[in-house]
Amino acid sequence: MMNSIGLQEAKSRLSELVVKASKGERFTITKRGVPLAQIVPMQTINSQEERAKAVQEIRRLRKDVTLGDITIKELIEEGRKVELGGLRCCF
């Protein structure tokens, strides 16, 4: 069963809610009765088989992802460029 709690109350009781969630409880945070978020227990991957499945899924998902005509190196270089008072500097 999932408990509902208002946003303001959740803010004031966050530590308590996290402790309870770590023990298996689940909470829906609402604002004016509208569900906004959930606090749920962390799911851990325990078996080697589950880890292998997770890795396979990540590899499957990234297979069709491309950067188009830009390379990783170009993205890194662009991230290092900074403008200071109209001067362009690279780090």
C-alpha atoms as a PDB file:
ATOM      1  CA  MET A   1       0.000   0.000   0.000  1.00  0.00           C
ATOM      2  CA  MET A   2       1.252   3.475  -0.832  1.00  0.00           C
ATOM      3  CA  ASN A   3       0.652   6.335   1.583  1.00  0.00           C
ATOM      4  CA  SER A   4      -0.102   9.861   0.369  1.00  0.00           C
ATOM      5  CA  ILE A   5       1.491  12.875   1.994  1.00  0.00           C
ATOM      6  CA  GLY A   6       1.280  16.581   1.195  1.00  0.00           C
ATOM      7  CA  LEU A   7       4.365  18.357  -0.135  1.00  0.00           C
ATOM      8  CA  GLN A   8       4.811  20.668   2.854  1.00  0.00           C
ATOM      9  CA  GLU A   9       4.509  17.820   5.343  1.00  0.00           C
ATOM     10  CA  ALA A  10       6.888  15.680   3.263  1.00  0.00           C
ATOM     11  CA  LYS A  11       9.456  18.489   3.347  1.00  0.00           C
ATOM     12  CA  SER A  12       9.301  18.679   7.127  1.00  0.00           C
ATOM     13  CA  ARG A  13       9.395  14.885   7.566  1.00  0.00           C
ATOM     14  CA  LEU A  14      11.774  13.931   4.735  1.00  0.00           C
ATOM     15  CA  SER A  15      14.337  12.137   6.918  1.00  0.00           C
ATOM     16  CA  GLU A  16      11.608  10.053   8.528  1.00  0.00           C
ATOM     17  CA  LEU A  17      10.069   9.191   5.152  1.00  0.00           C
ATOM     18  CA  VAL A  18      13.433   8.114   3.733  1.00  0.00           C
ATOM     19  CA  VAL A  19      14.059   5.819   6.709  1.00  0.00           C
ATOM     20  CA  LYS A  20      10.607   4.275   6.293  1.00  0.00           C
ATOM     21  CA  ALA A  21      11.129   3.886   2.534  1.00  0.00           C
ATOM     22  CA  SER A  22      14.418   2.105   3.179  1.00  0.00           C
ATOM     23  CA  LYS A  23      12.376  -0.412   5.189  1.00  0.00           C
ATOM     24  CA  GLY A  24       9.947  -1.005   2.323  1.00  0.00           C
ATOM     25  CA  GLU A  25       7.257   1.662   2.678  1.00  0.00           C
ATOM     26  CA  ARG A  26       6.199   3.743  -0.308  1.00  0.00           C
ATOM     27  CA  PHE A  27       4.873   7.312  -0.324  1.00  0.00           C
ATOM     28  CA  THR A  28       3.161   9.492  -2.915  1.00  0.00           C
ATOM     29  CA  ILE A  29       3.855  13.198  -2.487  1.00  0.00           C
ATOM     30  CA  THR A  30       0.915  15.398  -3.450  1.00  0.00           C
ATOM     31  CA  LYS A  31       0.270  19.102  -3.900  1.00  0.00           C
ATOM     32  CA  ARG A  32      -3.349  20.094  -3.423  1.00  0.00           C
ATOM     33  CA  GLY A  33      -4.288  16.444  -3.873  1.00  0.00           C
ATOM     34  CA  VAL A  34      -2.423  16.025  -7.177  1.00  0.00           C
ATOM     35  CA  PRO A  35       0.305  13.334  -7.138  1.00  0.00           C
ATOM     36  CA  LEU A  36       3.731  14.853  -7.937  1.00  0.00           C
ATOM     37  CA  ALA A  37       6.364  12.317  -6.944  1.00  0.00           C
ATOM     38  CA  GLN A  38       7.040   9.127  -5.059  1.00  0.00           C
ATOM     39  CA  ILE A  39       9.454   8.076  -2.372  1.00  0.00           C
ATOM     40  CA  VAL A  40      10.097   4.371  -2.803  1.00  0.00           C
ATOM     41  CA  PRO A  41      12.694   1.857  -1.617  1.00  0.00           C
ATOM     42  CA  MET A  42      15.807   1.526  -3.760  1.00  0.00           C
ATOM     43  CA  GLN A  43      15.821  -1.507  -5.992  1.00  0.00           C
ATOM     44  CA  THR A  44      19.070  -3.366  -5.879  1.00  0.00           C
ATOM     45  CA  ILE A  45      20.423  -5.688  -8.507  1.00  0.00           C
ATOM     46  CA  ASN A  46      21.577  -8.723  -6.587  1.00  0.00           C
ATOM     47  CA  SER A  47      22.262 -11.536  -9.000  1.00  0.00           C
ATOM     48  CA  GLN A  48      24.894 -11.784 -11.699  1.00  0.00           C
ATOM     49  CA  GLU A  49      22.105 -12.600 -14.149  1.00  0.00           C
ATOM     50  CA  GLU A  50      20.214  -9.391 -13.311  1.00  0.00           C
ATOM     51  CA  ARG A  51      23.403  -7.346 -13.762  1.00  0.00           C
ATOM     52  CA  ALA A  52      24.081  -8.999 -17.123  1.00  0.00           C
ATOM     53  CA  LYS A  53      20.516  -8.220 -18.256  1.00  0.00           C
ATOM     54  CA  ALA A  54      20.912  -4.588 -17.179  1.00  0.00           C
ATOM     55  CA  VAL A  55      24.158  -4.253 -19.150  1.00  0.00           C
ATOM     56  CA  GLN A  56      22.558  -5.840 -22.220  1.00  0.00           C
ATOM     57  CA  GLU A  57      19.625  -3.427 -21.989  1.00  0.00           C
ATOM     58  CA  ILE A  58      21.950  -0.420 -21.766  1.00  0.00           C
ATOM     59  CA  ARG A  59      23.885  -1.638 -24.791  1.00  0.00           C
ATOM     60  CA  ARG A  60      20.645  -2.215 -26.721  1.00  0.00           C
ATOM     61  CA  LEU A  61      19.343   1.252 -25.894  1.00  0.00           C
ATOM     62  CA  ARG A  62      22.543   3.040 -26.903  1.00  0.00           C
ATOM     63  CA  LYS A  63      22.902   1.133 -30.192  1.00  0.00           C
ATOM     64  CA  ASP A  64      20.693   3.523 -32.157  1.00  0.00           C
ATOM     65  CA  VAL A  65      21.889   6.692 -30.412  1.00  0.00           C
ATOM     66  CA  THR A  66      24.239   8.817 -32.497  1.00  0.00           C
ATOM     67  CA  LEU A  67      25.797  12.234 -32.282  1.00  0.00           C
ATOM     68  CA  GLY A  68      25.138  12.958 -35.944  1.00  0.00           C
ATOM     69  CA  ASP A  69      28.119  14.646 -37.572  1.00  0.00           C
ATOM     70  CA  ILE A  70      29.839  15.682 -34.335  1.00  0.00           C
ATOM     71  CA  THR A  71      32.426  13.621 -32.459  1.00  0.00           C
ATOM     72  CA  ILE A  72      32.859  13.139 -28.732  1.00  0.00           C
ATOM     73  CA  LYS A  73      36.176  15.006 -28.973  1.00  0.00           C
ATOM     74  CA  GLU A  74      34.415  18.016 -30.546  1.00  0.00           C
ATOM     75  CA  LEU A  75      31.813  18.016 -27.762  1.00  0.00           C
ATOM     76  CA  ILE A  76      34.542  17.965 -25.122  1.00  0.00           C
ATOM     77  CA  GLU A  77      36.425  20.797 -26.819  1.00  0.00           C
ATOM     78  CA  GLU A  78      33.225  22.868 -27.091  1.00  0.00           C
ATOM     79  CA  GLY A  79      32.573  22.311 -23.376  1.00  0.00           C
ATOM     80  CA  ARG A  80      35.993  23.745 -22.562  1.00  0.00           C
ATOM     81  CA  LYS A  81      35.362  27.015 -24.386  1.00  0.00           C
ATOM     82  CA  VAL A  82      34.319  29.927 -22.213  1.00  0.00           C
ATOM     83  CA  GLU A  83      33.603  33.561 -23.028  1.00  0.00           C
ATOM     84  CA  LEU A  84      34.878  36.190 -20.603  1.00  0.00           C
ATOM     85  CA  GLY A  85      33.917  39.772 -21.383  1.00  0.00           C
ATOM     86  CA  GLY A  86      33.814  39.120 -25.111  1.00  0.00           C
ATOM     87  CA  LEU A  87      37.092  37.170 -25.064  1.00  0.00           C
ATOM     88  CA  ARG A  88      36.880  33.506 -25.948  1.00  0.00           C
ATOM     89  CA  CYS A  89      39.132  31.303 -23.818  1.00  0.00           C
ATOM     90  CA  CYS A  90      39.794  27.598 -23.847  1.00  0.00           C
ATOM     91  CA  PHE A  91      40.714  25.479 -20.823  1.00  0.00           C
END
